[in-house]
Amino acid sequence: MPIFSRQSQLPKSDWKQAAVEFILARMVLLALEARSVGQIFVRKLIAAAAALFFVAFLWPLLLVGLIGWISDACDMAWYWVALLIALAHLIAAGIAIVALRRPFQIALFSLTRNELIKDCEWLRTLKNRRKN
């Protein structure tokens, strides 16, 4: 069933052009929002890399030297110093994980969703006009 009646004032070629422009406009909108989502994804990826760095790598060579130096300077057992430094790294990793778990600040693809809702309403009005 065609959406448009034969009594339309525009020739068929104009309708085809309008349909192509309509689809292109939606594709451009989708591309703009995809770029925004890509930027959010990059930020999340950076936070994940930071968390991985602090949890997995833990600066082993620097820590060994730091543990020995603090242990000697504070007259403290080396294993207590190592546990305190491990706790500091756990806190840093926790901060990065909290940053990863935070919800998105913006609604994703909100413009595209709104345009699709408007398109559905427009099609419903056309369908209702045709029935009358």
N, C-alpha and C. Protein backbone atom coordinates (compact mmCIF):
# COMPACT_ATOMS: atom_id res chain seq x y z
N MET A 1 0.83 -1.18 0.00
CA MET A 1 0.00 0.00 0.00
C MET A 1 0.88 1.24 0.00
N PRO A 2 0.74 2.09 -0.95
CA PRO A 2 1.55 3.31 -0.96
C PRO A 2 1.07 4.27 0.12
N ILE A 3 2.01 4.98 0.69
CA ILE A 3 1.70 5.94 1.75
C ILE A 3 1.04 7.18 1.15
N PHE A 4 1.53 7.60 0.01
CA PHE A 4 1.06 8.84 -0.60
C PHE A 4 -0.02 8.53 -1.63
N SER A 5 -1.01 9.37 -1.72
CA SER A 5 -2.09 9.16 -2.69
C SER A 5 -1.66 9.64 -4.07
N ARG A 6 -2.38 9.23 -5.08
CA ARG A 6 -2.07 9.64 -6.45
C ARG A 6 -2.39 11.11 -6.68
N GLN A 7 -3.10 11.70 -5.75
CA GLN A 7 -3.47 13.10 -5.90
C GLN A 7 -2.35 14.03 -5.43
N SER A 8 -1.19 13.48 -5.14
CA SER A 8 -0.07 14.29 -4.69
C SER A 8 0.29 15.32 -5.76
N GLN A 9 0.75 16.49 -5.28
CA GLN A 9 1.05 17.57 -6.21
C GLN A 9 2.46 17.45 -6.78
N LEU A 10 3.31 16.66 -6.18
CA LEU A 10 4.68 16.53 -6.68
C LEU A 10 4.80 15.34 -7.62
N PRO A 11 5.59 15.49 -8.67
CA PRO A 11 5.83 14.34 -9.54
C PRO A 11 6.61 13.26 -8.80
N LYS A 12 6.58 12.04 -9.34
CA LYS A 12 7.25 10.92 -8.68
C LYS A 12 8.74 11.16 -8.49
N SER A 13 9.39 11.80 -9.42
CA SER A 13 10.83 12.01 -9.31
C SER A 13 11.16 12.92 -8.13
N ASP A 14 10.28 13.88 -7.80
CA ASP A 14 10.51 14.73 -6.64
C ASP A 14 10.38 13.95 -5.35
N TRP A 15 9.46 12.99 -5.32
CA TRP A 15 9.31 12.15 -4.14
C TRP A 15 10.55 11.28 -3.94
N LYS A 16 11.11 10.79 -5.02
CA LYS A 16 12.32 9.97 -4.91
C LYS A 16 13.47 10.81 -4.38
N GLN A 17 13.60 12.02 -4.89
CA GLN A 17 14.66 12.92 -4.43
C GLN A 17 14.45 13.25 -2.94
N ALA A 18 13.21 13.50 -2.56
CA ALA A 18 12.91 13.81 -1.16
C ALA A 18 13.25 12.62 -0.26
N ALA A 19 12.97 11.42 -0.73
CA ALA A 19 13.27 10.22 0.06
C ALA A 19 14.78 10.06 0.23
N VAL A 20 15.52 10.31 -0.84
CA VAL A 20 16.99 10.21 -0.76
C VAL A 20 17.53 11.25 0.21
N GLU A 21 17.03 12.48 0.12
CA GLU A 21 17.49 13.53 1.03
C GLU A 21 17.13 13.20 2.48
N PHE A 22 15.95 12.63 2.68
CA PHE A 22 15.51 12.23 4.00
C PHE A 22 16.48 11.20 4.59
N ILE A 23 16.80 10.18 3.82
CA ILE A 23 17.70 9.13 4.29
C ILE A 23 19.10 9.69 4.53
N LEU A 24 19.58 10.55 3.65
CA LEU A 24 20.90 11.15 3.84
C LEU A 24 20.95 12.01 5.10
N ALA A 25 19.87 12.75 5.36
CA ALA A 25 19.83 13.57 6.57
C ALA A 25 19.91 12.70 7.81
N ARG A 26 19.22 11.58 7.81
CA ARG A 26 19.28 10.67 8.96
C ARG A 26 20.67 10.05 9.10
N MET A 27 21.30 9.75 8.01
CA MET A 27 22.64 9.17 8.06
C MET A 27 23.65 10.18 8.62
N VAL A 28 23.52 11.45 8.22
CA VAL A 28 24.41 12.49 8.74
C VAL A 28 24.21 12.65 10.24
N LEU A 29 22.96 12.66 10.68
CA LEU A 29 22.66 12.77 12.11
C LEU A 29 23.25 11.60 12.88
N LEU A 30 23.10 10.41 12.35
CA LEU A 30 23.67 9.22 12.98
C LEU A 30 25.19 9.32 13.06
N ALA A 31 25.82 9.81 12.01
CA ALA A 31 27.28 9.94 12.00
C ALA A 31 27.75 10.95 13.05
N LEU A 32 27.02 12.05 13.21
CA LEU A 32 27.39 13.05 14.22
C LEU A 32 27.29 12.47 15.62
N GLU A 33 26.23 11.75 15.88
CA GLU A 33 26.08 11.17 17.21
C GLU A 33 27.07 10.03 17.43
N ALA A 34 27.41 9.30 16.40
CA ALA A 34 28.39 8.23 16.53
C ALA A 34 29.76 8.80 16.90
N ARG A 35 30.07 9.98 16.38
CA ARG A 35 31.34 10.62 16.73
C ARG A 35 31.36 10.96 18.22
N SER A 36 30.25 11.45 18.75
CA SER A 36 30.14 11.77 20.17
C SER A 36 30.30 10.51 21.02
N VAL A 37 29.66 9.44 20.60
CA VAL A 37 29.77 8.16 21.32
C VAL A 37 31.21 7.66 21.25
N GLY A 38 31.87 7.86 20.13
CA GLY A 38 33.27 7.45 19.99
C GLY A 38 34.18 8.17 20.96
N GLN A 39 33.92 9.45 21.19
CA GLN A 39 34.72 10.21 22.14
C GLN A 39 34.52 9.69 23.56
N ILE A 40 33.28 9.34 23.90
CA ILE A 40 33.01 8.77 25.22
C ILE A 40 33.73 7.43 25.36
N PHE A 41 33.69 6.62 24.30
CA PHE A 41 34.35 5.32 24.32
C PHE A 41 35.85 5.47 24.53
N VAL A 42 36.47 6.45 23.90
CA VAL A 42 37.91 6.67 24.05
C VAL A 42 38.23 7.03 25.50
N ARG A 43 37.40 7.89 26.12
CA ARG A 43 37.64 8.24 27.53
C ARG A 43 37.54 7.02 28.42
N LYS A 44 36.54 6.18 28.17
CA LYS A 44 36.38 4.96 28.96
C LYS A 44 37.57 4.01 28.74
N LEU A 45 38.05 3.94 27.52
CA LEU A 45 39.19 3.09 27.21
C LEU A 45 40.44 3.57 27.95
N ILE A 46 40.62 4.87 28.02
CA ILE A 46 41.77 5.43 28.74
C ILE A 46 41.67 5.10 30.23
N ALA A 47 40.47 5.24 30.80
CA ALA A 47 40.28 4.91 32.22
C ALA A 47 40.55 3.43 32.47
N ALA A 48 40.12 2.57 31.54
CA ALA A 48 40.36 1.13 31.67
C ALA A 48 41.85 0.82 31.59
N ALA A 49 42.55 1.51 30.70
CA ALA A 49 44.01 1.30 30.59
C ALA A 49 44.71 1.74 31.87
N ALA A 50 44.26 2.85 32.46
CA ALA A 50 44.85 3.31 33.72
C ALA A 50 44.61 2.29 34.83
N ALA A 51 43.39 1.75 34.90
CA ALA A 51 43.08 0.74 35.92
C ALA A 51 43.95 -0.50 35.73
N LEU A 52 44.08 -0.92 34.49
CA LEU A 52 44.90 -2.09 34.20
C LEU A 52 46.35 -1.85 34.58
N PHE A 53 46.84 -0.66 34.29
CA PHE A 53 48.22 -0.32 34.63
C PHE A 53 48.44 -0.41 36.13
N PHE A 54 47.55 0.19 36.92
CA PHE A 54 47.75 0.21 38.36
C PHE A 54 47.52 -1.16 39.00
N VAL A 55 46.61 -1.94 38.46
CA VAL A 55 46.33 -3.25 39.06
C VAL A 55 47.37 -4.29 38.64
N ALA A 56 47.71 -4.34 37.36
CA ALA A 56 48.55 -5.42 36.87
C ALA A 56 50.06 -5.13 36.96
N PHE A 57 50.46 -3.95 36.60
CA PHE A 57 51.89 -3.68 36.51
C PHE A 57 52.47 -3.24 37.85
N LEU A 58 51.81 -2.32 38.51
CA LEU A 58 52.16 -1.85 39.86
C LEU A 58 53.60 -1.34 40.04
N TRP A 59 54.16 -0.88 39.02
CA TRP A 59 55.49 -0.26 39.05
C TRP A 59 56.49 -1.09 39.87
N PRO A 60 56.74 -2.31 39.48
CA PRO A 60 57.53 -3.20 40.35
C PRO A 60 58.95 -2.72 40.69
N LEU A 61 59.65 -2.19 39.73
CA LEU A 61 61.03 -1.79 40.06
C LEU A 61 61.07 -0.57 40.98
N LEU A 62 60.20 0.39 40.73
CA LEU A 62 60.13 1.58 41.58
C LEU A 62 59.70 1.19 42.99
N LEU A 63 58.77 0.29 43.09
CA LEU A 63 58.26 -0.09 44.40
C LEU A 63 59.29 -0.82 45.25
N VAL A 64 60.06 -1.64 44.62
CA VAL A 64 61.09 -2.36 45.38
C VAL A 64 62.06 -1.36 46.02
N GLY A 65 62.49 -0.38 45.24
CA GLY A 65 63.38 0.64 45.78
C GLY A 65 62.71 1.49 46.84
N LEU A 66 61.46 1.86 46.61
CA LEU A 66 60.72 2.69 47.56
C LEU A 66 60.48 1.95 48.88
N ILE A 67 60.17 0.67 48.78
CA ILE A 67 59.95 -0.12 50.00
C ILE A 67 61.22 -0.17 50.84
N GLY A 68 62.33 -0.43 50.21
CA GLY A 68 63.60 -0.48 50.95
C GLY A 68 63.94 0.87 51.57
N TRP A 69 63.73 1.94 50.82
CA TRP A 69 64.07 3.28 51.32
C TRP A 69 63.19 3.67 52.50
N ILE A 70 61.85 3.48 52.38
CA ILE A 70 60.95 3.83 53.47
C ILE A 70 61.20 2.95 54.69
N SER A 71 61.41 1.67 54.45
CA SER A 71 61.67 0.74 55.55
C SER A 71 62.90 1.17 56.34
N ASP A 72 63.93 1.56 55.65
CA ASP A 72 65.17 1.99 56.30
C ASP A 72 64.98 3.34 57.00
N ALA A 73 64.31 4.29 56.34
CA ALA A 73 64.15 5.63 56.89
C ALA A 73 63.23 5.64 58.11
N CYS A 74 62.23 4.82 58.13
CA CYS A 74 61.24 4.82 59.22
C CYS A 74 61.48 3.73 60.26
N ASP A 75 62.54 2.97 60.05
CA ASP A 75 62.84 1.85 60.93
C ASP A 75 61.61 0.96 61.10
N MET A 76 61.07 0.57 59.93
CA MET A 76 59.84 -0.23 59.87
C MET A 76 60.15 -1.50 59.09
N ALA A 77 59.44 -2.56 59.40
CA ALA A 77 59.66 -3.81 58.67
C ALA A 77 59.26 -3.61 57.20
N TRP A 78 60.03 -4.20 56.28
CA TRP A 78 59.79 -3.99 54.85
C TRP A 78 58.42 -4.46 54.41
N TYR A 79 57.90 -5.53 55.03
CA TYR A 79 56.60 -6.06 54.59
C TYR A 79 55.45 -5.12 54.95
N TRP A 80 55.57 -4.36 56.06
CA TRP A 80 54.53 -3.37 56.37
C TRP A 80 54.52 -2.24 55.35
N VAL A 81 55.69 -1.82 54.95
CA VAL A 81 55.79 -0.76 53.93
C VAL A 81 55.21 -1.28 52.62
N ALA A 82 55.51 -2.52 52.26
CA ALA A 82 54.98 -3.10 51.02
C ALA A 82 53.46 -3.16 51.06
N LEU A 83 52.89 -3.52 52.21
CA LEU A 83 51.43 -3.57 52.33
C LEU A 83 50.80 -2.17 52.21
N LEU A 84 51.43 -1.16 52.77
CA LEU A 84 50.92 0.21 52.66
C LEU A 84 50.95 0.69 51.21
N ILE A 85 52.01 0.37 50.50
CA ILE A 85 52.10 0.77 49.09
C ILE A 85 51.07 0.00 48.25
N ALA A 86 50.87 -1.26 48.55
CA ALA A 86 49.85 -2.04 47.84
C ALA A 86 48.47 -1.45 48.09
N LEU A 87 48.20 -1.00 49.31
CA LEU A 87 46.92 -0.36 49.62
C LEU A 87 46.73 0.93 48.81
N ALA A 88 47.80 1.71 48.68
CA ALA A 88 47.72 2.94 47.87
C ALA A 88 47.38 2.61 46.42
N HIS A 89 47.98 1.55 45.89
CA HIS A 89 47.67 1.15 44.51
C HIS A 89 46.25 0.63 44.38
N LEU A 90 45.78 -0.06 45.39
CA LEU A 90 44.41 -0.55 45.37
C LEU A 90 43.42 0.62 45.35
N ILE A 91 43.71 1.66 46.12
CA ILE A 91 42.85 2.85 46.13
C ILE A 91 42.86 3.53 44.77
N ALA A 92 44.05 3.67 44.14
CA ALA A 92 44.14 4.29 42.82
C ALA A 92 43.37 3.48 41.77
N ALA A 93 43.48 2.16 41.84
CA ALA A 93 42.73 1.31 40.91
C ALA A 93 41.23 1.42 41.16
N GLY A 94 40.83 1.51 42.41
CA GLY A 94 39.41 1.67 42.74
C GLY A 94 38.84 2.97 42.18
N ILE A 95 39.61 4.04 42.24
CA ILE A 95 39.17 5.32 41.67
C ILE A 95 38.97 5.19 40.16
N ALA A 96 39.88 4.53 39.48
CA ALA A 96 39.75 4.34 38.03
C ALA A 96 38.54 3.46 37.71
N ILE A 97 38.28 2.44 38.51
CA ILE A 97 37.13 1.56 38.27
C ILE A 97 35.82 2.30 38.51
N VAL A 98 35.79 3.15 39.54
CA VAL A 98 34.59 3.96 39.78
C VAL A 98 34.34 4.88 38.59
N ALA A 99 35.40 5.45 38.02
CA ALA A 99 35.24 6.31 36.84
C ALA A 99 34.68 5.52 35.66
N LEU A 100 35.07 4.27 35.53
CA LEU A 100 34.54 3.42 34.46
C LEU A 100 33.07 3.07 34.67
N ARG A 101 32.65 2.91 35.90
CA ARG A 101 31.29 2.47 36.19
C ARG A 101 30.28 3.61 36.19
N ARG A 102 30.76 4.85 36.19
CA ARG A 102 29.84 5.98 36.18
C ARG A 102 29.00 5.97 34.92
N PRO A 103 27.71 6.27 35.02
CA PRO A 103 26.87 6.26 33.82
C PRO A 103 27.24 7.41 32.88
N PHE A 104 26.82 7.27 31.63
CA PHE A 104 27.08 8.30 30.65
C PHE A 104 26.40 9.60 31.06
N GLN A 105 27.06 10.72 30.79
CA GLN A 105 26.51 12.02 31.14
C GLN A 105 25.41 12.46 30.17
N ILE A 106 25.45 11.93 28.95
CA ILE A 106 24.46 12.31 27.95
C ILE A 106 23.73 11.06 27.48
N ALA A 107 22.52 11.26 27.01
CA ALA A 107 21.77 10.15 26.43
C ALA A 107 22.34 9.85 25.04
N LEU A 108 22.65 8.61 24.79
CA LEU A 108 23.27 8.23 23.53
C LEU A 108 22.24 8.23 22.40
N PHE A 109 22.59 8.80 21.28
CA PHE A 109 21.76 8.86 20.08
C PHE A 109 20.40 9.50 20.36
N SER A 110 20.36 10.49 21.22
CA SER A 110 19.08 11.12 21.57
C SER A 110 18.49 11.88 20.39
N LEU A 111 19.31 12.55 19.61
CA LEU A 111 18.79 13.29 18.45
C LEU A 111 18.19 12.34 17.42
N THR A 112 18.87 11.26 17.14
CA THR A 112 18.37 10.28 16.17
C THR A 112 17.06 9.67 16.67
N ARG A 113 17.02 9.32 17.97
CA ARG A 113 15.81 8.75 18.55
C ARG A 113 14.64 9.72 18.43
N ASN A 114 14.88 11.00 18.75
CA ASN A 114 13.81 12.01 18.65
C ASN A 114 13.34 12.17 17.21
N GLU A 115 14.26 12.16 16.27
CA GLU A 115 13.87 12.29 14.86
C GLU A 115 13.05 11.09 14.40
N LEU A 116 13.43 9.89 14.84
CA LEU A 116 12.66 8.70 14.47
C LEU A 116 11.26 8.73 15.07
N ILE A 117 11.13 9.24 16.29
CA ILE A 117 9.80 9.38 16.89
C ILE A 117 8.96 10.36 16.10
N LYS A 118 9.57 11.47 15.70
CA LYS A 118 8.85 12.46 14.88
C LYS A 118 8.44 11.85 13.54
N ASP A 119 9.31 11.06 12.95
CA ASP A 119 9.00 10.40 11.67
C ASP A 119 7.81 9.46 11.82
N CYS A 120 7.77 8.71 12.91
CA CYS A 120 6.65 7.80 13.15
C CYS A 120 5.35 8.58 13.29
N GLU A 121 5.41 9.68 14.03
CA GLU A 121 4.20 10.52 14.17
C GLU A 121 3.76 11.07 12.82
N TRP A 122 4.70 11.50 12.02
CA TRP A 122 4.40 12.04 10.70
C TRP A 122 3.73 10.98 9.83
N LEU A 123 4.28 9.76 9.86
CA LEU A 123 3.70 8.68 9.07
C LEU A 123 2.29 8.33 9.57
N ARG A 124 2.09 8.37 10.90
CA ARG A 124 0.75 8.11 11.44
C ARG A 124 -0.25 9.17 10.97
N THR A 125 0.17 10.43 10.96
CA THR A 125 -0.75 11.48 10.50
C THR A 125 -1.06 11.30 9.02
N LEU A 126 -0.09 10.90 8.22
CA LEU A 126 -0.33 10.65 6.80
C LEU A 126 -1.33 9.49 6.64
N LYS A 127 -1.13 8.46 7.44
CA LYS A 127 -2.00 7.29 7.35
C LYS A 127 -3.42 7.66 7.78
N ASN A 128 -3.56 8.46 8.83
CA ASN A 128 -4.88 8.88 9.31
C ASN A 128 -5.56 9.80 8.29
N ARG A 129 -4.80 10.67 7.65
CA ARG A 129 -5.36 11.55 6.62
C ARG A 129 -5.88 10.75 5.45
N ARG A 130 -5.17 9.69 5.13
CA ARG A 130 -5.58 8.84 4.00
C ARG A 130 -6.88 8.12 4.29
N LYS A 131 -7.08 7.72 5.55
CA LYS A 131 -8.30 7.03 5.93
C LYS A 131 -9.52 7.95 5.85
N ASN A 132 -9.31 9.22 6.13
CA ASN A 132 -10.43 10.18 6.13
C ASN A 132 -10.77 10.60 4.77
